[in-house]
Amino acid sequence: MPYELKPFDDKWKICFKLEKERLLEKLKQFDVFNIEHIGATSALLCDTFGTIDILVSLNQYSDLITVKNFLNVRGYEAIE
């Protein structure tokens, strides 16, 4: 099934906020610097496919692979 562009929706801000809280709880054992909403769903009035892209910044580069694997096994699509 092809992806369809969707018009901007304010609910994406709320979805990100809730997901950020979940991520902070899940990642509390790691040294997380910041979690940001990036991509088209973060831009006002931008049509998008509706995927909420999230950037997790770590203080320790050495945690990168561990955090990536940690997120992937929990259903996230974590890329570096």
PDB file of N, CA and C in Angstrom:
ATOM      1  N   MET A   1       0.844  -1.182   0.000  1.00  0.00           N
ATOM      2  CA  MET A   1       0.000   0.000   0.000  1.00  0.00           C
ATOM      3  C   MET A   1       0.892   1.248   0.000  1.00  0.00           C
ATOM      4  N   PRO A   2       0.691   2.142  -0.930  1.00  0.00           N
ATOM      5  CA  PRO A   2       1.514   3.358  -0.986  1.00  0.00           C
ATOM      6  C   PRO A   2       1.194   4.301   0.177  1.00  0.00           C
ATOM      7  N   TYR A   3       2.208   5.044   0.561  1.00  0.00           N
ATOM      8  CA  TYR A   3       2.022   6.043   1.610  1.00  0.00           C
ATOM      9  C   TYR A   3       1.215   7.208   1.054  1.00  0.00           C
ATOM     10  N   GLU A   4       0.408   7.799   1.907  1.00  0.00           N
ATOM     11  CA  GLU A   4      -0.378   8.966   1.513  1.00  0.00           C
ATOM     12  C   GLU A   4       0.046  10.164   2.360  1.00  0.00           C
ATOM     13  N   LEU A   5       0.215  11.304   1.708  1.00  0.00           N
ATOM     14  CA  LEU A   5       0.514  12.525   2.451  1.00  0.00           C
ATOM     15  C   LEU A   5      -0.715  12.954   3.233  1.00  0.00           C
ATOM     16  N   LYS A   6      -0.458  13.398   4.455  1.00  0.00           N
ATOM     17  CA  LYS A   6      -1.538  13.866   5.319  1.00  0.00           C
ATOM     18  C   LYS A   6      -1.278  15.329   5.647  1.00  0.00           C
ATOM     19  N   PRO A   7      -2.341  16.117   5.789  1.00  0.00           N
ATOM     20  CA  PRO A   7      -2.138  17.508   6.180  1.00  0.00           C
ATOM     21  C   PRO A   7      -1.665  17.605   7.629  1.00  0.00           C
ATOM     22  N   PHE A   8      -1.039  18.716   7.961  1.00  0.00           N
ATOM     23  CA  PHE A   8      -0.539  18.951   9.317  1.00  0.00           C
ATOM     24  C   PHE A   8      -1.648  18.724  10.339  1.00  0.00           C
ATOM     25  N   ASP A   9      -1.267  18.143  11.468  1.00  0.00           N
ATOM     26  CA  ASP A   9      -2.222  17.871  12.548  1.00  0.00           C
ATOM     27  C   ASP A   9      -1.575  18.254  13.875  1.00  0.00           C
ATOM     28  N   ASP A  10      -2.235  19.099  14.650  1.00  0.00           N
ATOM     29  CA  ASP A  10      -1.699  19.528  15.949  1.00  0.00           C
ATOM     30  C   ASP A  10      -1.490  18.370  16.918  1.00  0.00           C
ATOM     31  N   LYS A  11      -2.179  17.254  16.714  1.00  0.00           N
ATOM     32  CA  LYS A  11      -2.040  16.126  17.644  1.00  0.00           C
ATOM     33  C   LYS A  11      -0.629  15.547  17.624  1.00  0.00           C
ATOM     34  N   TRP A  12       0.134  15.783  16.561  1.00  0.00           N
ATOM     35  CA  TRP A  12       1.492  15.255  16.506  1.00  0.00           C
ATOM     36  C   TRP A  12       2.357  15.838  17.612  1.00  0.00           C
ATOM     37  N   LYS A  13       2.135  17.083  17.985  1.00  0.00           N
ATOM     38  CA  LYS A  13       2.879  17.695  19.098  1.00  0.00           C
ATOM     39  C   LYS A  13       2.586  16.955  20.397  1.00  0.00           C
ATOM     40  N   ILE A  14       1.318  16.634  20.601  1.00  0.00           N
ATOM     41  CA  ILE A  14       0.904  15.929  21.823  1.00  0.00           C
ATOM     42  C   ILE A  14       1.461  14.508  21.821  1.00  0.00           C
ATOM     43  N   CYS A  15       1.389  13.840  20.682  1.00  0.00           N
ATOM     44  CA  CYS A  15       1.935  12.474  20.562  1.00  0.00           C
ATOM     45  C   CYS A  15       3.421  12.467  20.878  1.00  0.00           C
ATOM     46  N   PHE A  16       4.153  13.458  20.352  1.00  0.00           N
ATOM     47  CA  PHE A  16       5.583  13.532  20.637  1.00  0.00           C
ATOM     48  C   PHE A  16       5.823  13.731  22.129  1.00  0.00           C
ATOM     49  N   LYS A  17       5.091  14.644  22.744  1.00  0.00           N
ATOM     50  CA  LYS A  17       5.282  14.926  24.171  1.00  0.00           C
ATOM     51  C   LYS A  17       5.082  13.656  24.998  1.00  0.00           C
ATOM     52  N   LEU A  18       4.046  12.899  24.698  1.00  0.00           N
ATOM     53  CA  LEU A  18       3.780  11.655  25.425  1.00  0.00           C
ATOM     54  C   LEU A  18       4.880  10.621  25.164  1.00  0.00           C
ATOM     55  N   GLU A  19       5.316  10.527  23.929  1.00  0.00           N
ATOM     56  CA  GLU A  19       6.367   9.564  23.592  1.00  0.00           C
ATOM     57  C   GLU A  19       7.690   9.959  24.232  1.00  0.00           C
ATOM     58  N   LYS A  20       7.975  11.251  24.303  1.00  0.00           N
ATOM     59  CA  LYS A  20       9.197  11.714  24.958  1.00  0.00           C
ATOM     60  C   LYS A  20       9.200  11.294  26.425  1.00  0.00           C
ATOM     61  N   GLU A  21       8.058  11.435  27.097  1.00  0.00           N
ATOM     62  CA  GLU A  21       7.957  11.019  28.495  1.00  0.00           C
ATOM     63  C   GLU A  21       8.206   9.518  28.632  1.00  0.00           C
ATOM     64  N   ARG A  22       7.634   8.723  27.706  1.00  0.00           N
ATOM     65  CA  ARG A  22       7.850   7.267  27.735  1.00  0.00           C
ATOM     66  C   ARG A  22       9.327   6.939  27.515  1.00  0.00           C
ATOM     67  N   LEU A  23       9.941   7.617  26.544  1.00  0.00           N
ATOM     68  CA  LEU A  23      11.346   7.360  26.257  1.00  0.00           C
ATOM     69  C   LEU A  23      12.243   7.732  27.436  1.00  0.00           C
ATOM     70  N   LEU A  24      11.968   8.863  28.057  1.00  0.00           N
ATOM     71  CA  LEU A  24      12.775   9.264  29.212  1.00  0.00           C
ATOM     72  C   LEU A  24      12.693   8.211  30.313  1.00  0.00           C
ATOM     73  N   GLU A  25      11.518   7.648  30.509  1.00  0.00           N
ATOM     74  CA  GLU A  25      11.362   6.601  31.517  1.00  0.00           C
ATOM     75  C   GLU A  25      12.117   5.333  31.105  1.00  0.00           C
ATOM     76  N   LYS A  26      11.980   4.925  29.837  1.00  0.00           N
ATOM     77  CA  LYS A  26      12.640   3.710  29.354  1.00  0.00           C
ATOM     78  C   LYS A  26      14.159   3.850  29.333  1.00  0.00           C
ATOM     79  N   LEU A  27      14.632   5.062  29.063  1.00  0.00           N
ATOM     80  CA  LEU A  27      16.067   5.285  28.898  1.00  0.00           C
ATOM     81  C   LEU A  27      16.739   5.858  30.142  1.00  0.00           C
ATOM     82  N   LYS A  28      16.065   5.799  31.285  1.00  0.00           N
ATOM     83  CA  LYS A  28      16.611   6.441  32.484  1.00  0.00           C
ATOM     84  C   LYS A  28      17.942   5.840  32.939  1.00  0.00           C
ATOM     85  N   GLN A  29      18.250   4.610  32.517  1.00  0.00           N
ATOM     86  CA  GLN A  29      19.525   3.997  32.886  1.00  0.00           C
ATOM     87  C   GLN A  29      20.685   4.518  32.035  1.00  0.00           C
ATOM     88  N   PHE A  30      20.376   5.260  30.977  1.00  0.00           N
ATOM     89  CA  PHE A  30      21.399   5.803  30.088  1.00  0.00           C
ATOM     90  C   PHE A  30      21.549   7.305  30.314  1.00  0.00           C
ATOM     91  N   ASP A  31      22.664   7.847  29.864  1.00  0.00           N
ATOM     92  CA  ASP A  31      22.956   9.272  30.025  1.00  0.00           C
ATOM     93  C   ASP A  31      22.401  10.041  28.817  1.00  0.00           C
ATOM     94  N   VAL A  32      21.084  10.288  28.833  1.00  0.00           N
ATOM     95  CA  VAL A  32      20.407  10.983  27.729  1.00  0.00           C
ATOM     96  C   VAL A  32      20.592  12.487  27.898  1.00  0.00           C
ATOM     97  N   PHE A  33      21.070  13.123  26.855  1.00  0.00           N
ATOM     98  CA  PHE A  33      21.271  14.572  26.859  1.00  0.00           C
ATOM     99  C   PHE A  33      19.973  15.305  26.527  1.00  0.00           C
ATOM    100  N   ASN A  34      19.275  14.840  25.465  1.00  0.00           N
ATOM    101  CA  ASN A  34      18.061  15.530  25.017  1.00  0.00           C
ATOM    102  C   ASN A  34      17.254  14.605  24.120  1.00  0.00           C
ATOM    103  N   ILE A  35      15.962  14.861  24.040  1.00  0.00           N
ATOM    104  CA  ILE A  35      15.074  14.172  23.117  1.00  0.00           C
ATOM    105  C   ILE A  35      14.287  15.246  22.389  1.00  0.00           C
ATOM    106  N   GLU A  36      14.384  15.248  21.047  1.00  0.00           N
ATOM    107  CA  GLU A  36      13.769  16.303  20.250  1.00  0.00           C
ATOM    108  C   GLU A  36      12.831  15.745  19.184  1.00  0.00           C
ATOM    109  N   HIS A  37      11.814  16.525  18.856  1.00  0.00           N
ATOM    110  CA  HIS A  37      10.880  16.211  17.776  1.00  0.00           C
ATOM    111  C   HIS A  37      11.461  16.813  16.501  1.00  0.00           C
ATOM    112  N   ILE A  38      11.767  15.954  15.538  1.00  0.00           N
ATOM    113  CA  ILE A  38      12.358  16.420  14.278  1.00  0.00           C
ATOM    114  C   ILE A  38      11.504  15.919  13.117  1.00  0.00           C
ATOM    115  N   GLY A  39      11.850  16.292  11.920  1.00  0.00           N
ATOM    116  CA  GLY A  39      11.139  15.804  10.744  1.00  0.00           C
ATOM    117  C   GLY A  39       9.888  16.604  10.435  1.00  0.00           C
ATOM    118  N   ALA A  40       9.162  16.146   9.430  1.00  0.00           N
ATOM    119  CA  ALA A  40       8.024  16.900   8.891  1.00  0.00           C
ATOM    120  C   ALA A  40       6.894  17.100   9.894  1.00  0.00           C
ATOM    121  N   THR A  41       6.647  16.131  10.779  1.00  0.00           N
ATOM    122  CA  THR A  41       5.548  16.306  11.740  1.00  0.00           C
ATOM    123  C   THR A  41       5.850  17.393  12.766  1.00  0.00           C
ATOM    124  N   SER A  42       7.099  17.823  12.853  1.00  0.00           N
ATOM    125  CA  SER A  42       7.447  18.900  13.786  1.00  0.00           C
ATOM    126  C   SER A  42       7.319  20.276  13.143  1.00  0.00           C
ATOM    127  N   ALA A  43       7.140  20.319  11.833  1.00  0.00           N
ATOM    128  CA  ALA A  43       7.060  21.590  11.100  1.00  0.00           C
ATOM    129  C   ALA A  43       5.596  22.007  10.931  1.00  0.00           C
ATOM    130  N   LEU A  44       5.291  23.235  11.276  1.00  0.00           N
ATOM    131  CA  LEU A  44       3.921  23.739  11.139  1.00  0.00           C
ATOM    132  C   LEU A  44       3.467  23.725   9.687  1.00  0.00           C
ATOM    133  N   LEU A  45       2.275  23.263   9.484  1.00  0.00           N
ATOM    134  CA  LEU A  45       1.581  23.281   8.191  1.00  0.00           C
ATOM    135  C   LEU A  45       2.280  22.487   7.093  1.00  0.00           C
ATOM    136  N   CYS A  46       3.098  21.525   7.476  1.00  0.00           N
ATOM    137  CA  CYS A  46       3.809  20.704   6.493  1.00  0.00           C
ATOM    138  C   CYS A  46       3.053  19.394   6.283  1.00  0.00           C
ATOM    139  N   ASP A  47       2.754  19.068   5.018  1.00  0.00           N
ATOM    140  CA  ASP A  47       2.162  17.765   4.729  1.00  0.00           C
ATOM    141  C   ASP A  47       3.209  16.682   4.967  1.00  0.00           C
ATOM    142  N   THR A  48       2.774  15.538   5.450  1.00  0.00           N
ATOM    143  CA  THR A  48       3.711  14.481   5.824  1.00  0.00           C
ATOM    144  C   THR A  48       3.031  13.123   5.766  1.00  0.00           C
ATOM    145  N   PHE A  49       3.822  12.075   5.932  1.00  0.00           N
ATOM    146  CA  PHE A  49       3.275  10.723   5.982  1.00  0.00           C
ATOM    147  C   PHE A  49       2.756  10.394   7.382  1.00  0.00           C
ATOM    148  N   GLY A  50       3.013  11.260   8.350  1.00  0.00           N
ATOM    149  CA  GLY A  50       2.487  11.072   9.697  1.00  0.00           C
ATOM    150  C   GLY A  50       3.410  10.338  10.656  1.00  0.00           C
ATOM    151  N   THR A  51       4.624  10.047  10.226  1.00  0.00           N
ATOM    152  CA  THR A  51       5.588   9.396  11.107  1.00  0.00           C
ATOM    153  C   THR A  51       6.248  10.445  11.986  1.00  0.00           C
ATOM    154  N   ILE A  52       6.238  10.214  13.293  1.00  0.00           N
ATOM    155  CA  ILE A  52       6.865  11.153  14.220  1.00  0.00           C
ATOM    156  C   ILE A  52       8.315  10.738  14.404  1.00  0.00           C
ATOM    157  N   ASP A  53       9.215  11.564  13.891  1.00  0.00           N
ATOM    158  CA  ASP A  53      10.650  11.312  13.995  1.00  0.00           C
ATOM    159  C   ASP A  53      11.173  11.958  15.267  1.00  0.00           C
ATOM    160  N   ILE A  54      11.963  11.191  16.001  1.00  0.00           N
ATOM    161  CA  ILE A  54      12.479  11.643  17.284  1.00  0.00           C
ATOM    162  C   ILE A  54      13.991  11.460  17.300  1.00  0.00           C
ATOM    163  N   LEU A  55      14.695  12.481  17.766  1.00  0.00           N
ATOM    164  CA  LEU A  55      16.151  12.432  17.902  1.00  0.00           C
ATOM    165  C   LEU A  55      16.487  12.282  19.382  1.00  0.00           C
ATOM    166  N   VAL A  56      17.185  11.212  19.715  1.00  0.00           N
ATOM    167  CA  VAL A  56      17.668  11.005  21.081  1.00  0.00           C
ATOM    168  C   VAL A  56      19.160  11.318  21.076  1.00  0.00           C
ATOM    169  N   SER A  57      19.551  12.318  21.851  1.00  0.00           N
ATOM    170  CA  SER A  57      20.966  12.698  21.961  1.00  0.00           C
ATOM    171  C   SER A  57      21.520  12.145  23.268  1.00  0.00           C
ATOM    172  N   LEU A  58      22.679  11.508  23.163  1.00  0.00           N
ATOM    173  CA  LEU A  58      23.319  10.903  24.326  1.00  0.00           C
ATOM    174  C   LEU A  58      24.575  11.670  24.715  1.00  0.00           C
ATOM    175  N   ASN A  59      24.878  11.683  25.993  1.00  0.00           N
ATOM    176  CA  ASN A  59      26.118  12.303  26.464  1.00  0.00           C
ATOM    177  C   ASN A  59      27.321  11.400  26.220  1.00  0.00           C
ATOM    178  N   GLN A  60      27.095  10.094  26.182  1.00  0.00           N
ATOM    179  CA  GLN A  60      28.179   9.138  26.013  1.00  0.00           C
ATOM    180  C   GLN A  60      28.040   8.418  24.675  1.00  0.00           C
ATOM    181  N   TYR A  61      28.971   8.661  23.771  1.00  0.00           N
ATOM    182  CA  TYR A  61      28.962   7.980  22.476  1.00  0.00           C
ATOM    183  C   TYR A  61      29.006   6.464  22.653  1.00  0.00           C
ATOM    184  N   SER A  62      29.662   6.027  23.688  1.00  0.00           N
ATOM    185  CA  SER A  62      29.805   4.590  23.933  1.00  0.00           C
ATOM    186  C   SER A  62      28.459   3.904  24.200  1.00  0.00           C
ATOM    187  N   ASP A  63      27.421   4.664  24.525  1.00  0.00           N
ATOM    188  CA  ASP A  63      26.076   4.111  24.757  1.00  0.00           C
ATOM    189  C   ASP A  63      25.280   3.922  23.466  1.00  0.00           C
ATOM    190  N   LEU A  64      25.780   4.441  22.346  1.00  0.00           N
ATOM    191  CA  LEU A  64      25.002   4.490  21.113  1.00  0.00           C
ATOM    192  C   LEU A  64      24.469   3.121  20.668  1.00  0.00           C
ATOM    193  N   ILE A  65      25.318   2.149  20.511  1.00  0.00           N
ATOM    194  CA  ILE A  65      24.895   0.829  20.027  1.00  0.00           C
ATOM    195  C   ILE A  65      23.956   0.174  21.033  1.00  0.00           C
ATOM    196  N   THR A  66      24.260   0.295  22.310  1.00  0.00           N
ATOM    197  CA  THR A  66      23.414  -0.297  23.348  1.00  0.00           C
ATOM    198  C   THR A  66      22.017   0.320  23.327  1.00  0.00           C
ATOM    199  N   VAL A  67      21.939   1.634  23.227  1.00  0.00           N
ATOM    200  CA  VAL A  67      20.635   2.317  23.194  1.00  0.00           C
ATOM    201  C   VAL A  67      19.888   1.975  21.906  1.00  0.00           C
ATOM    202  N   LYS A  68      20.590   1.947  20.794  1.00  0.00           N
ATOM    203  CA  LYS A  68      19.958   1.584  19.521  1.00  0.00           C
ATOM    204  C   LYS A  68      19.330   0.203  19.615  1.00  0.00           C
ATOM    205  N   ASN A  69      20.074  -0.779  20.099  1.00  0.00           N
ATOM    206  CA  ASN A  69      19.553  -2.133  20.239  1.00  0.00           C
ATOM    207  C   ASN A  69      18.411  -2.190  21.255  1.00  0.00           C
ATOM    208  N   PHE A  70      18.552  -1.466  22.348  1.00  0.00           N
ATOM    209  CA  PHE A  70      17.531  -1.382  23.393  1.00  0.00           C
ATOM    210  C   PHE A  70      16.211  -0.896  22.802  1.00  0.00           C
ATOM    211  N   LEU A  71      16.279   0.146  21.966  1.00  0.00           N
ATOM    212  CA  LEU A  71      15.063   0.696  21.354  1.00  0.00           C
ATOM    213  C   LEU A  71      14.502  -0.225  20.276  1.00  0.00           C
ATOM    214  N   ASN A  72      15.362  -0.809  19.463  1.00  0.00           N
ATOM    215  CA  ASN A  72      14.901  -1.692  18.391  1.00  0.00           C
ATOM    216  C   ASN A  72      14.120  -2.887  18.928  1.00  0.00           C
ATOM    217  N   VAL A  73      14.581  -3.499  20.007  1.00  0.00           N
ATOM    218  CA  VAL A  73      13.871  -4.660  20.548  1.00  0.00           C
ATOM    219  C   VAL A  73      12.553  -4.261  21.220  1.00  0.00           C
ATOM    220  N   ARG A  74      12.360  -2.970  21.445  1.00  0.00           N
ATOM    221  CA  ARG A  74      11.112  -2.481  22.034  1.00  0.00           C
ATOM    222  C   ARG A  74      10.166  -1.884  20.990  1.00  0.00           C
ATOM    223  N   GLY A  75      10.450  -2.150  19.708  1.00  0.00           N
ATOM    224  CA  GLY A  75       9.529  -1.760  18.646  1.00  0.00           C
ATOM    225  C   GLY A  75       9.818  -0.441  17.967  1.00  0.00           C
ATOM    226  N   TYR A  76      10.865   0.240  18.385  1.00  0.00           N
ATOM    227  CA  TYR A  76      11.247   1.481  17.709  1.00  0.00           C
ATOM    228  C   TYR A  76      12.133   1.146  16.515  1.00  0.00           C
ATOM    229  N   GLU A  77      12.158   2.026  15.538  1.00  0.00           N
ATOM    230  CA  GLU A  77      13.096   1.881  14.434  1.00  0.00           C
ATOM    231  C   GLU A  77      14.231   2.853  14.698  1.00  0.00           C
ATOM    232  N   ALA A  78      15.240   2.376  15.393  1.00  0.00           N
ATOM    233  CA  ALA A  78      16.350   3.219  15.798  1.00  0.00           C
ATOM    234  C   ALA A  78      17.470   3.109  14.769  1.00  0.00           C
ATOM    235  N   ILE A  79      17.906   4.257  14.282  1.00  0.00           N
ATOM    236  CA  ILE A  79      19.011   4.304  13.336  1.00  0.00           C
ATOM    237  C   ILE A  79      20.063   5.267  13.865  1.00  0.00           C
ATOM    238  N   GLU A  80      21.283   5.118  13.401  1.00  0.00           N
ATOM    239  CA  GLU A  80      22.337   6.021  13.858  1.00  0.00           C
ATOM    240  C   GLU A  80      22.750   6.964  12.774  1.00  0.00           C
TER     241      GLU A  80
END
